[in-house]
Amino acid sequence: MSQPAISSTSAVQQTSSAPSRDRLVIAIDYGTIDTAVAFGLTQTDIANLDELEVVEKWPAGLSSRVPSAISYSPTADMSQQQWGFSVSEDAIVYTRTKLDLDISSKEHMLGRISDFLDGASDLRFEAVLRARGYPEHSWKDAQDMVSDYFRQVFHVVFEELAYMGGHLAQVAVDIVITTPAQQWSYKGENSLFRAVREAGFNNESFPSLGDTIIVAESDAAAIWSIRNMREQQGNESFKQGECFIFCDCGYDIVESTTYRIKCLEPTLQIEAINELKITQGGGKHIYQNFEKWLQGVIGERCFRRLDPRYDQCFRAKETWPKGMRQLAERFDQKLRCRPSDDKTFHIDLPPPLHHLSCADNVVAGELKITSKELKSFMNSWVTSIINLIEGQIQQTNEGNDRITNILLVGDYSDVLHLQNEIDLVMRSKNIKLHRPWLRWGHTATAQGAVVYGIEKSHRSDLCIAESSPRHYGLLLDDGPVVNTTPVHRAGTFTYLIQKDDLLFSDRVVTKEKSFAIKLHPEKEKVAMMNLSFRHCQIRKR
């Protein structure tokens, strides 16, 4: 699909904001589960939260976030676009491709291979024959899939900006991309950067493109959340010089770090003083515990009627069949209620179990869950988060800093049982728990990235990203060191940095290559050499 472009006879690139000229900042928060895009049009270098916009109109869905999902399955329903919300029921859907951009361990790699083989019927011969040369699974790698996904996102964003008309060609544009803090390698950041640019977020589409900025997800979310609470909720708890814990409660993982507030006016400036800590105990563990409990209540046979592919292990919720998804949505609503001791929660089971009756917990398709049982699903999850927070407190106290506040964000930050337990533990430490407004809290990272981009001239830690203008590499003779065969493969070029790869303004890119050198033409002894290639920081324009 071709990319729309803005025609302009005199497109001028500009990186610094000028009060007399409009500047558009577009922020992309690509998540494992879903994605948010926000933007802001300004004439100043101080962000106004009321002027930030979040893209909410997606194909087949109205939401502040769109599922990070794409499918290559054919469909007869032309209304299905096979990405985001608009995916046909029988499609093979690719999700969590963000995790594949930076496979950091053998365990992770084996897990993703297992997921692929499961979706590809383990490459069984009968499945290959049945496909008649058109396999249901895609042969594309993760970066290509992410680029295809963002190509669809780009077209939605471009349509959202259509109200600006030809004026968009004269507006200076900055693009901000959020990335996981600290745990991502260069490979992950480079793959995401290339995918976003290939999708259309580049100079061809925006002739007046200025800077592409990279900011950590936690930094962006913390900046917007504190600004939101101070300016729109009247919360004055955050003081200059004090420290606060940032805790992002997601579905897969929970992240926590500690920040010191360097400055509140004219722009909020924060700095991380502890390493980002991560626990795999995300919200998915609540569903795992609920699933185990439900199997015990209705039996494995009935449970398989909800999930025919159940195989004794918990699967990603994006792969759940329709019945399980409906049940999870209904359970999710109860999960966020206040679990008082004498309360019983009622959930209608979806078809085909909507008439089921068994034991005392299920009557005529209605599932009963006591408050004690609901808490039991969450207890291990809550404990892991509190331990994560207390670890941040201990590390901060060793540095003679004082924590006064906890900032709780993320998809599961509104679970009241979690809030109550954290508040109970932290009250004795004189530490207050805070949350931004729920309405826009799910897009804190995207909106914070827009704020970061608008106020870039105030940022001493600004990271500008640019594409490498050329290839860098080595021309090596890969022939055998010991001449056991007359066949040689000479003149092989080994790429270290490829054209359009990511380069940074605030750090160097280091690549290493090991190779052998024969010390004497008549002797078999060789030496192993290690070449380290470092590309210096790009200069800020």
Protein backbone atom coordinates (compact mmCIF):
# COMPACT_ATOMS: atom_id res chain seq x y z
CA MET A 1 0.00 0.00 0.00
CA SER A 2 1.43 3.33 -0.99
CA GLN A 3 2.06 5.97 1.64
CA PRO A 4 0.23 9.28 1.42
CA ALA A 5 2.55 12.26 1.27
CA ILE A 6 2.12 15.96 1.75
CA SER A 7 3.15 18.01 -1.23
CA SER A 8 5.08 21.16 -0.53
CA THR A 9 7.14 23.37 -2.81
CA SER A 10 9.27 24.76 -0.03
CA ALA A 11 9.53 22.33 2.83
CA VAL A 12 11.95 23.62 5.42
CA GLN A 13 13.33 21.38 8.12
CA GLN A 14 13.41 22.88 11.55
CA THR A 15 14.23 21.30 14.87
CA SER A 16 13.80 24.06 17.41
CA SER A 17 10.39 25.47 18.20
CA ALA A 18 9.65 29.08 17.39
CA PRO A 19 6.79 30.96 19.06
CA SER A 20 5.58 32.29 15.70
CA ARG A 21 5.36 28.89 13.98
CA ASP A 22 3.13 25.91 14.70
CA ARG A 23 4.87 22.70 15.65
CA LEU A 24 3.26 19.26 15.64
CA VAL A 25 4.52 16.52 17.96
CA ILE A 26 3.33 12.95 17.28
CA ALA A 27 4.01 10.28 19.93
CA ILE A 28 3.88 6.51 19.40
CA ASP A 29 3.57 4.16 22.37
CA TYR A 30 3.88 0.65 20.94
CA GLY A 31 2.82 -1.84 23.59
CA THR A 32 2.98 -5.61 23.77
CA ILE A 33 -0.81 -5.86 24.07
CA ASP A 34 -2.01 -2.59 22.56
CA THR A 35 -0.78 0.72 21.15
CA ALA A 36 -1.58 4.38 21.74
CA VAL A 37 -0.88 7.40 19.54
CA ALA A 38 -1.16 11.00 20.76
CA PHE A 39 -0.27 14.36 19.27
CA GLY A 40 -0.17 18.02 20.13
CA LEU A 41 -0.05 21.21 18.05
CA THR A 42 1.74 24.07 19.76
CA GLN A 43 3.48 27.38 19.22
CA THR A 44 5.43 27.28 22.48
CA ASP A 45 7.96 25.04 24.18
CA ILE A 46 5.74 24.53 27.25
CA ALA A 47 3.11 21.82 26.92
CA ASN A 48 -0.54 22.47 27.74
CA LEU A 49 -2.20 19.19 28.74
CA ASP A 50 -5.60 20.41 27.59
CA GLU A 51 -4.30 20.69 24.03
CA LEU A 52 -3.09 17.11 23.74
CA GLU A 53 -5.11 14.77 21.54
CA VAL A 54 -5.30 10.97 21.67
CA VAL A 55 -6.27 9.01 18.56
CA GLU A 56 -9.45 7.11 19.41
CA LYS A 57 -11.15 6.35 16.08
CA TRP A 58 -9.83 3.00 14.87
CA PRO A 59 -11.35 0.63 12.31
CA ALA A 60 -14.11 -1.33 14.10
CA GLY A 61 -13.27 0.22 17.47
CA LEU A 62 -13.52 3.42 19.47
CA SER A 63 -10.79 3.38 22.12
CA SER A 64 -7.73 5.25 23.33
CA ARG A 65 -5.64 2.16 22.57
CA VAL A 66 -5.74 -0.24 19.63
CA PRO A 67 -4.70 -3.93 19.89
CA SER A 68 -1.14 -4.60 18.70
CA ALA A 69 -2.38 -7.34 16.41
CA ILE A 70 -2.21 -8.10 12.71
CA SER A 71 -3.39 -10.98 10.54
CA TYR A 72 -2.50 -12.11 7.04
CA SER A 73 -5.44 -14.52 6.78
CA PRO A 74 -7.73 -13.96 3.79
CA THR A 75 -11.31 -12.99 4.55
CA ALA A 76 -14.45 -12.71 2.46
CA ASP A 77 -15.74 -9.93 4.70
CA MET A 78 -14.37 -6.77 3.11
CA SER A 79 -15.21 -4.79 6.27
CA GLN A 80 -12.48 -6.66 8.14
CA GLN A 81 -9.09 -4.98 7.72
CA GLN A 82 -7.24 -7.76 9.59
CA TRP A 83 -5.45 -5.61 12.15
CA GLY A 84 -6.22 -3.99 15.50
CA PHE A 85 -9.92 -4.35 16.34
CA SER A 86 -10.87 -5.28 12.78
CA VAL A 87 -9.98 -8.98 12.61
CA SER A 88 -12.22 -11.82 11.41
CA GLU A 89 -13.20 -14.54 13.88
CA ASP A 90 -11.33 -17.37 12.10
CA ALA A 91 -8.14 -15.41 11.36
CA ILE A 92 -4.69 -16.38 12.53
CA VAL A 93 -3.64 -13.31 14.48
CA TYR A 94 -0.07 -12.28 15.26
CA THR A 95 0.25 -10.60 18.64
CA ARG A 96 3.08 -9.69 21.01
CA THR A 97 5.43 -9.10 18.08
CA LYS A 98 7.06 -6.39 20.17
CA LEU A 99 8.63 -9.18 22.23
CA ASP A 100 10.14 -10.65 19.04
CA LEU A 101 11.94 -7.42 18.16
CA ASP A 102 14.41 -8.09 20.96
CA ILE A 103 14.71 -11.75 21.88
CA SER A 104 17.07 -11.56 24.83
CA SER A 105 17.30 -15.18 26.01
CA LYS A 106 17.19 -18.75 24.73
CA GLU A 107 14.14 -19.38 26.93
CA HIS A 108 12.32 -16.48 25.29
CA MET A 109 13.34 -17.65 21.81
CA LEU A 110 12.20 -21.23 22.45
CA GLY A 111 8.91 -19.96 23.84
CA ARG A 112 8.20 -17.87 20.74
CA ILE A 113 9.18 -20.78 18.46
CA SER A 114 6.76 -22.98 20.39
CA ASP A 115 3.99 -20.40 19.94
CA PHE A 116 4.70 -20.23 16.21
CA LEU A 117 4.71 -24.02 15.77
CA ASP A 118 1.43 -24.21 17.67
CA GLY A 119 -0.15 -21.71 15.27
CA ALA A 120 1.41 -23.48 12.27
CA SER A 121 0.06 -26.93 13.26
CA ASP A 122 3.62 -28.01 14.11
CA LEU A 123 4.33 -27.96 10.35
CA ARG A 124 2.59 -31.34 10.04
CA PHE A 125 2.61 -32.76 6.52
CA GLU A 126 -1.17 -33.07 6.32
CA ALA A 127 -1.50 -29.40 7.30
CA VAL A 128 0.94 -28.42 4.55
CA LEU A 129 -1.04 -30.45 2.00
CA ARG A 130 -4.29 -28.94 3.19
CA ALA A 131 -2.88 -25.43 2.67
CA ARG A 132 -2.35 -26.15 -1.07
CA GLY A 133 0.75 -23.98 -1.20
CA TYR A 134 -0.82 -21.13 0.75
CA PRO A 135 0.14 -21.64 4.42
CA GLU A 136 -2.05 -19.91 6.98
CA HIS A 137 0.96 -18.67 8.90
CA SER A 138 3.12 -15.82 7.62
CA TRP A 139 6.75 -16.15 6.59
CA LYS A 140 7.51 -12.55 7.59
CA ASP A 141 9.87 -11.71 10.43
CA ALA A 142 8.90 -9.60 13.44
CA GLN A 143 10.20 -6.30 12.06
CA ASP A 144 8.23 -6.72 8.83
CA MET A 145 5.06 -7.54 10.76
CA VAL A 146 5.50 -4.52 13.03
CA SER A 147 6.10 -2.33 9.99
CA ASP A 148 2.92 -3.67 8.33
CA TYR A 149 1.00 -2.97 11.53
CA PHE A 150 2.33 0.58 11.81
CA ARG A 151 1.53 1.19 8.15
CA GLN A 152 -2.12 0.76 9.11
CA VAL A 153 -1.67 2.93 12.20
CA PHE A 154 -0.03 5.61 10.07
CA HIS A 155 -3.00 5.85 7.71
CA VAL A 156 -5.38 6.32 10.67
CA VAL A 157 -3.14 9.02 12.17
CA PHE A 158 -2.80 10.73 8.81
CA GLU A 159 -6.57 10.82 8.43
CA GLU A 160 -6.83 12.25 11.95
CA LEU A 161 -4.57 15.12 10.88
CA ALA A 162 -6.51 15.75 7.66
CA TYR A 163 -8.26 18.75 9.25
CA MET A 164 -4.98 20.67 8.93
CA GLY A 165 -5.10 20.38 5.14
CA GLY A 166 -2.20 21.95 3.25
CA HIS A 167 -1.07 23.74 6.41
CA LEU A 168 0.44 20.45 7.58
CA ALA A 169 3.16 20.77 4.95
CA GLN A 170 4.43 23.97 6.59
CA VAL A 171 4.22 22.72 10.18
CA ALA A 172 7.44 21.55 11.81
CA VAL A 173 6.89 17.94 12.88
CA ASP A 174 8.65 15.97 15.60
CA ILE A 175 8.02 12.27 16.19
CA VAL A 176 8.55 10.69 19.61
CA ILE A 177 8.92 6.91 19.97
CA THR A 178 8.73 5.31 23.41
CA THR A 179 10.85 2.26 24.24
CA PRO A 180 11.20 0.08 27.34
CA ALA A 181 13.66 1.59 29.78
CA GLN A 182 17.00 -0.15 30.26
CA GLN A 183 15.96 -3.72 29.38
CA TRP A 184 15.95 -3.35 25.58
CA SER A 185 19.07 -3.93 23.53
CA TYR A 186 20.17 -1.94 20.48
CA LYS A 187 18.59 -4.64 18.31
CA GLY A 188 15.13 -4.00 19.76
CA GLU A 189 15.34 -0.22 19.48
CA ASN A 190 16.77 -0.40 15.96
CA SER A 191 14.06 -2.82 14.77
CA LEU A 192 11.27 -0.62 16.15
CA PHE A 193 12.84 2.55 14.73
CA ARG A 194 13.16 1.02 11.25
CA ALA A 195 9.64 -0.41 11.35
CA VAL A 196 8.09 2.94 12.32
CA ARG A 197 9.97 4.85 9.62
CA GLU A 198 9.24 2.26 6.92
CA ALA A 199 5.56 2.49 7.83
CA GLY A 200 5.37 6.17 6.85
CA PHE A 201 6.54 8.21 9.82
CA ASN A 202 9.38 9.75 7.82
CA ASN A 203 10.47 12.71 5.70
CA GLU A 204 8.53 11.57 2.66
CA SER A 205 5.23 11.79 4.48
CA PHE A 206 6.17 14.85 6.55
CA PRO A 207 8.42 17.15 4.46
CA SER A 208 9.00 19.40 7.48
CA LEU A 209 10.02 16.54 9.75
CA GLY A 210 12.44 17.79 12.37
CA ASP A 211 13.55 15.39 15.08
CA THR A 212 12.73 11.79 15.82
CA ILE A 213 13.09 11.46 19.58
CA ILE A 214 13.38 8.33 21.71
CA VAL A 215 12.19 8.42 25.33
CA ALA A 216 11.80 5.71 27.95
CA GLU A 217 8.20 4.60 28.54
CA SER A 218 8.49 5.08 32.31
CA ASP A 219 9.90 8.61 31.94
CA ALA A 220 7.06 9.67 29.67
CA ALA A 221 4.34 8.11 31.84
CA ALA A 222 5.73 9.67 35.02
CA ILE A 223 5.98 13.14 33.46
CA TRP A 224 2.37 13.16 32.25
CA SER A 225 0.95 11.58 35.43
CA ILE A 226 2.49 14.13 37.77
CA ARG A 227 1.55 17.00 35.49
CA ASN A 228 -2.00 15.64 35.32
CA MET A 229 -2.33 15.35 39.09
CA ARG A 230 -0.84 18.76 39.80
CA GLU A 231 -2.64 20.75 37.11
CA GLN A 232 -5.94 18.92 36.69
CA GLN A 233 -6.49 17.26 40.06
CA GLY A 234 -4.99 19.94 42.30
CA ASN A 235 -2.58 17.43 43.89
CA GLU A 236 0.39 19.27 45.42
CA SER A 237 2.00 16.24 47.06
CA PHE A 238 4.98 16.14 44.69
CA LYS A 239 7.71 18.53 45.81
CA GLN A 240 11.00 19.58 44.26
CA GLY A 241 13.94 17.59 45.61
CA GLU A 242 11.79 14.73 46.90
CA CYS A 243 11.68 11.21 45.51
CA PHE A 244 8.79 9.06 44.35
CA ILE A 245 8.38 5.46 43.24
CA PHE A 246 6.94 4.86 39.79
CA CYS A 247 5.11 1.53 39.45
CA ASP A 248 3.55 0.40 36.16
CA CYS A 249 1.16 -2.53 36.66
CA GLY A 250 0.78 -4.20 33.28
CA TYR A 251 -0.71 -7.47 32.08
CA ASP A 252 2.59 -9.28 31.46
CA ILE A 253 5.02 -7.52 33.79
CA VAL A 254 5.20 -4.95 36.57
CA GLU A 255 7.92 -2.30 36.36
CA SER A 256 9.16 -0.10 39.17
CA THR A 257 11.84 2.56 39.56
CA THR A 258 12.51 5.63 41.68
CA TYR A 259 12.76 9.22 40.48
CA ARG A 260 13.95 12.44 42.05
CA ILE A 261 12.11 15.63 41.13
CA LYS A 262 14.73 18.08 39.91
CA CYS A 263 12.38 20.89 38.93
CA LEU A 264 8.64 21.59 38.82
CA GLU A 265 8.58 24.93 36.99
CA PRO A 266 8.56 26.00 34.21
CA THR A 267 8.74 22.35 33.10
CA LEU A 268 8.73 19.17 35.14
CA GLN A 269 12.22 17.63 35.26
CA ILE A 270 12.84 14.21 36.82
CA GLU A 271 15.82 11.88 37.03
CA ALA A 272 15.94 8.15 37.77
CA ILE A 273 18.05 7.34 40.83
CA ASN A 274 17.45 3.57 40.94
CA GLU A 275 17.60 0.88 38.30
CA LEU A 276 14.32 -0.19 36.78
CA LYS A 277 13.18 -3.43 38.41
CA ILE A 278 10.83 -5.85 36.69
CA THR A 279 8.75 -8.76 37.90
CA GLN A 280 6.96 -11.19 35.62
CA GLY A 281 4.05 -11.19 38.07
CA GLY A 282 1.75 -9.08 35.91
CA GLY A 283 -2.04 -9.12 35.82
CA LYS A 284 -2.04 -12.34 33.81
CA HIS A 285 -1.33 -14.26 37.03
CA ILE A 286 -4.76 -13.24 38.34
CA TYR A 287 -6.36 -14.87 35.31
CA GLN A 288 -4.16 -17.94 35.73
CA ASN A 289 -5.39 -18.40 39.31
CA PHE A 290 -8.99 -17.76 38.26
CA GLU A 291 -8.67 -20.29 35.44
CA LYS A 292 -7.34 -22.99 37.79
CA TRP A 293 -10.15 -22.30 40.27
CA LEU A 294 -12.80 -22.42 37.53
CA GLN A 295 -11.54 -25.79 36.29
CA GLY A 296 -11.96 -27.15 39.79
CA VAL A 297 -15.50 -25.78 40.00
CA ILE A 298 -16.94 -26.84 36.63
CA GLY A 299 -14.56 -29.67 35.77
CA GLU A 300 -12.11 -30.03 32.90
CA ARG A 301 -14.74 -31.37 30.50
CA CYS A 302 -16.93 -28.27 30.83
CA PHE A 303 -13.89 -26.02 30.79
CA ARG A 304 -12.85 -27.49 27.43
CA ARG A 305 -16.23 -26.44 26.05
CA LEU A 306 -15.13 -22.86 26.71
CA ASP A 307 -11.59 -23.43 25.45
CA PRO A 308 -11.26 -26.52 23.21
CA ARG A 309 -7.52 -25.90 22.82
CA TYR A 310 -6.88 -26.01 26.56
CA ASP A 311 -3.77 -28.08 27.22
CA GLN A 312 -3.08 -27.64 30.93
CA CYS A 313 -1.01 -24.49 30.40
CA PHE A 314 -2.06 -20.86 30.41
CA ARG A 315 -2.17 -19.26 26.97
CA ALA A 316 -1.96 -15.59 25.98
CA LYS A 317 -5.39 -13.97 26.22
CA GLU A 318 -5.19 -12.85 22.58
CA THR A 319 -5.46 -16.54 21.59
CA TRP A 320 -8.51 -17.29 23.74
CA PRO A 321 -11.67 -18.33 21.87
CA LYS A 322 -14.76 -16.13 21.99
CA GLY A 323 -16.29 -17.77 25.07
CA MET A 324 -13.15 -17.38 27.16
CA ARG A 325 -12.76 -13.76 26.06
CA GLN A 326 -16.32 -12.98 27.11
CA LEU A 327 -15.81 -14.64 30.49
CA ALA A 328 -12.53 -12.79 31.03
CA GLU A 329 -14.17 -9.44 30.26
CA ARG A 330 -16.93 -10.10 32.79
CA PHE A 331 -14.44 -11.30 35.39
CA ASP A 332 -12.30 -8.22 34.75
CA GLN A 333 -15.20 -5.97 35.79
CA LYS A 334 -15.54 -7.76 39.13
CA LEU A 335 -11.79 -7.73 39.61
CA ARG A 336 -11.83 -3.95 39.93
CA CYS A 337 -14.61 -3.83 42.50
CA ARG A 338 -14.02 -3.37 46.22
CA PRO A 339 -13.89 -6.92 47.68
CA SER A 340 -15.63 -6.41 51.05
CA ASP A 341 -15.62 -9.46 53.30
CA ASP A 342 -19.34 -10.28 53.07
CA LYS A 343 -19.78 -9.70 49.34
CA THR A 344 -20.51 -12.28 46.66
CA PHE A 345 -19.87 -11.54 42.98
CA HIS A 346 -22.03 -12.97 40.19
CA ILE A 347 -20.85 -13.61 36.63
CA ASP A 348 -23.00 -14.96 33.78
CA LEU A 349 -21.20 -17.78 32.01
CA PRO A 350 -21.08 -17.38 28.20
CA PRO A 351 -22.42 -20.00 25.77
CA PRO A 352 -22.24 -22.96 25.69
CA LEU A 353 -22.26 -22.94 29.53
CA HIS A 354 -25.04 -20.37 29.97
CA HIS A 355 -27.44 -23.02 31.35
CA LEU A 356 -24.92 -24.95 33.44
CA SER A 357 -25.62 -25.85 37.06
CA CYS A 358 -23.08 -27.65 39.25
CA ALA A 359 -22.27 -27.67 42.96
CA ASP A 360 -22.98 -24.41 44.82
CA ASN A 361 -20.92 -22.06 42.68
CA VAL A 362 -22.87 -22.35 39.41
CA VAL A 363 -26.66 -22.11 39.21
CA ALA A 364 -28.46 -21.76 35.86
CA GLY A 365 -25.36 -20.40 34.17
CA GLU A 366 -24.54 -17.92 36.94
CA LEU A 367 -21.08 -18.23 38.51
CA LYS A 368 -20.72 -17.14 42.13
CA ILE A 369 -17.40 -15.91 43.51
CA THR A 370 -17.00 -14.92 47.16
CA SER A 371 -14.90 -11.94 48.16
CA LYS A 372 -12.43 -14.31 49.84
CA GLU A 373 -12.05 -16.29 46.62
CA LEU A 374 -11.61 -13.11 44.55
CA LYS A 375 -8.85 -11.94 46.90
CA SER A 376 -7.16 -15.34 46.67
CA PHE A 377 -6.80 -14.88 42.91
CA MET A 378 -4.93 -11.61 43.54
CA ASN A 379 -2.90 -12.24 46.70
CA SER A 380 0.33 -13.52 45.11
CA TRP A 381 0.15 -10.73 42.50
CA VAL A 382 -0.34 -8.07 45.19
CA THR A 383 2.50 -9.48 47.29
CA SER A 384 4.95 -9.41 44.37
CA ILE A 385 4.14 -5.75 43.67
CA ILE A 386 4.55 -4.73 47.31
CA ASN A 387 7.88 -6.56 47.43
CA LEU A 388 8.97 -4.70 44.31
CA ILE A 389 8.05 -1.35 45.88
CA GLU A 390 9.75 -2.16 49.19
CA GLY A 391 12.89 -3.08 47.27
CA GLN A 392 12.89 0.41 45.75
CA ILE A 393 12.43 1.96 49.20
CA GLN A 394 15.35 -0.01 50.64
CA GLN A 395 17.65 0.89 47.75
CA THR A 396 16.71 4.58 48.00
CA ASN A 397 17.22 4.69 51.77
CA GLU A 398 20.77 3.37 51.30
CA GLY A 399 21.48 6.49 49.24
CA ASN A 400 20.15 8.82 51.96
CA ASP A 401 17.21 9.92 49.81
CA ARG A 402 13.65 9.99 51.07
CA ILE A 403 10.60 8.66 49.28
CA THR A 404 7.36 10.53 49.94
CA ASN A 405 5.02 9.26 47.21
CA ILE A 406 4.16 6.25 45.06
CA LEU A 407 2.78 6.77 41.58
CA LEU A 408 0.70 3.80 40.42
CA VAL A 409 -0.10 3.55 36.69
CA GLY A 410 -0.91 0.84 34.16
CA ASP A 411 -3.87 -1.29 33.16
CA TYR A 412 -4.24 -2.86 36.60
CA SER A 413 -3.50 0.17 38.77
CA ASP A 414 -7.25 0.68 39.31
CA VAL A 415 -7.70 -2.66 41.12
CA LEU A 416 -8.99 -1.50 44.51
CA HIS A 417 -7.65 -4.50 46.43
CA LEU A 418 -4.15 -3.67 45.20
CA GLN A 419 -4.52 -0.02 46.18
CA ASN A 420 -5.83 -0.92 49.63
CA GLU A 421 -2.98 -3.34 50.37
CA ILE A 422 -0.27 -0.94 49.19
CA ASP A 423 -1.81 1.92 51.17
CA LEU A 424 -2.00 -0.26 54.28
CA VAL A 425 1.70 -1.15 54.12
CA MET A 426 2.93 2.34 53.18
CA ARG A 427 0.86 4.28 55.68
CA SER A 428 3.28 3.43 58.50
CA LYS A 429 6.18 4.67 56.34
CA ASN A 430 4.40 8.00 55.73
CA ILE A 431 4.35 7.35 51.97
CA LYS A 432 1.27 8.34 49.98
CA LEU A 433 -0.20 6.40 47.08
CA HIS A 434 -1.39 8.32 43.99
CA ARG A 435 -3.01 7.51 40.64
CA PRO A 436 -3.77 9.80 37.68
CA TRP A 437 -7.28 10.09 36.39
CA LEU A 438 -8.45 6.78 34.97
CA ARG A 439 -10.04 8.37 31.89
CA TRP A 440 -6.66 9.09 30.32
CA GLY A 441 -4.37 7.10 32.60
CA HIS A 442 -4.11 4.28 30.04
CA THR A 443 -2.47 6.71 27.62
CA ALA A 444 -0.11 8.32 30.13
CA THR A 445 2.95 7.12 28.20
CA ALA A 446 1.80 8.44 24.82
CA GLN A 447 0.68 11.80 26.22
CA GLY A 448 3.84 12.10 28.30
CA ALA A 449 5.88 11.51 25.17
CA VAL A 450 4.08 14.42 23.48
CA VAL A 451 4.88 16.63 26.49
CA TYR A 452 8.51 15.48 26.30
CA GLY A 453 8.69 16.36 22.61
CA ILE A 454 7.05 19.77 22.99
CA GLU A 455 9.45 20.66 25.79
CA LYS A 456 12.54 19.15 24.14
CA SER A 457 14.50 22.41 24.36
CA HIS A 458 14.36 22.07 28.16
CA ARG A 459 15.63 18.47 28.20
CA SER A 460 19.27 17.92 28.99
CA ASP A 461 18.87 14.16 28.44
CA LEU A 462 17.27 14.44 25.00
CA CYS A 463 17.94 11.46 22.72
CA ILE A 464 17.57 12.29 19.02
CA ALA A 465 17.46 9.34 16.63
CA GLU A 466 18.58 9.41 13.01
CA SER A 467 19.10 6.91 10.23
CA SER A 468 22.60 5.88 9.30
CA PRO A 469 23.41 7.50 5.91
CA ARG A 470 25.48 4.53 4.70
CA HIS A 471 26.63 0.99 5.40
CA TYR A 472 29.61 0.27 7.67
CA GLY A 473 31.34 -3.07 7.68
CA LEU A 474 34.36 -5.26 6.98
CA LEU A 475 35.54 -7.05 3.87
CA LEU A 476 36.94 -10.37 5.08
CA ASP A 477 38.29 -13.52 3.51
CA ASP A 478 36.09 -16.26 4.93
CA GLY A 479 38.13 -19.04 3.40
CA PRO A 480 39.37 -21.82 5.72
CA VAL A 481 42.38 -20.97 7.89
CA VAL A 482 43.81 -24.48 7.41
CA ASN A 483 43.89 -25.37 3.71
CA THR A 484 42.04 -28.70 3.85
CA THR A 485 40.07 -27.84 0.71
CA PRO A 486 40.82 -25.73 -2.38
CA VAL A 487 37.40 -24.03 -2.09
CA HIS A 488 37.60 -20.49 -0.74
CA ARG A 489 34.87 -17.92 -0.12
CA ALA A 490 36.79 -14.68 -0.43
CA GLY A 491 35.68 -11.09 -0.21
CA THR A 492 32.67 -11.51 2.08
CA PHE A 493 31.31 -8.21 3.37
CA THR A 494 30.21 -8.30 7.00
CA TYR A 495 27.75 -5.55 7.93
CA LEU A 496 28.23 -3.85 11.28
CA ILE A 497 25.88 -0.92 10.71
CA GLN A 498 23.48 -0.97 7.77
CA LYS A 499 22.07 2.00 5.92
CA ASP A 500 19.00 3.40 7.74
CA ASP A 501 20.01 1.75 11.03
CA LEU A 502 19.42 3.70 14.21
CA LEU A 503 22.05 6.17 15.45
CA PHE A 504 21.78 8.19 18.67
CA SER A 505 22.65 11.73 19.72
CA ASP A 506 23.47 10.78 23.32
CA ARG A 507 25.34 7.49 23.04
CA VAL A 508 27.59 5.47 20.78
CA VAL A 509 26.66 2.32 18.89
CA THR A 510 29.18 -0.47 19.43
CA LYS A 511 29.38 -3.62 17.30
CA GLU A 512 31.91 -6.40 17.71
CA LYS A 513 33.22 -8.96 15.21
CA SER A 514 35.56 -11.87 15.92
CA PHE A 515 37.77 -13.31 13.20
CA ALA A 516 40.92 -15.40 12.81
CA ILE A 517 44.21 -14.31 11.33
CA LYS A 518 46.87 -16.74 10.13
CA LEU A 519 50.17 -15.60 11.63
CA HIS A 520 52.43 -17.27 9.07
CA PRO A 521 51.63 -18.55 5.56
CA GLU A 522 53.54 -21.79 6.19
CA LYS A 523 52.26 -22.47 9.69
CA GLU A 524 48.84 -23.52 10.93
CA LYS A 525 48.89 -21.38 14.09
CA VAL A 526 46.21 -18.66 14.11
CA ALA A 527 45.27 -15.78 16.36
CA MET A 528 41.69 -14.74 17.18
CA MET A 529 41.12 -11.01 16.81
CA ASN A 530 38.19 -9.05 18.22
CA LEU A 531 37.28 -5.86 16.35
CA SER A 532 35.13 -3.30 18.12
CA PHE A 533 33.34 -0.79 15.90
CA ARG A 534 31.99 2.36 17.53
CA HIS A 535 29.90 4.89 15.72
CA CYS A 536 30.14 8.24 17.45
CA GLN A 537 27.06 10.15 18.53
CA ILE A 538 25.33 12.15 15.86
CA ARG A 539 25.59 15.84 16.36
CA LYS A 540 22.44 17.67 17.41
CA ARG A 541 21.36 19.94 14.64
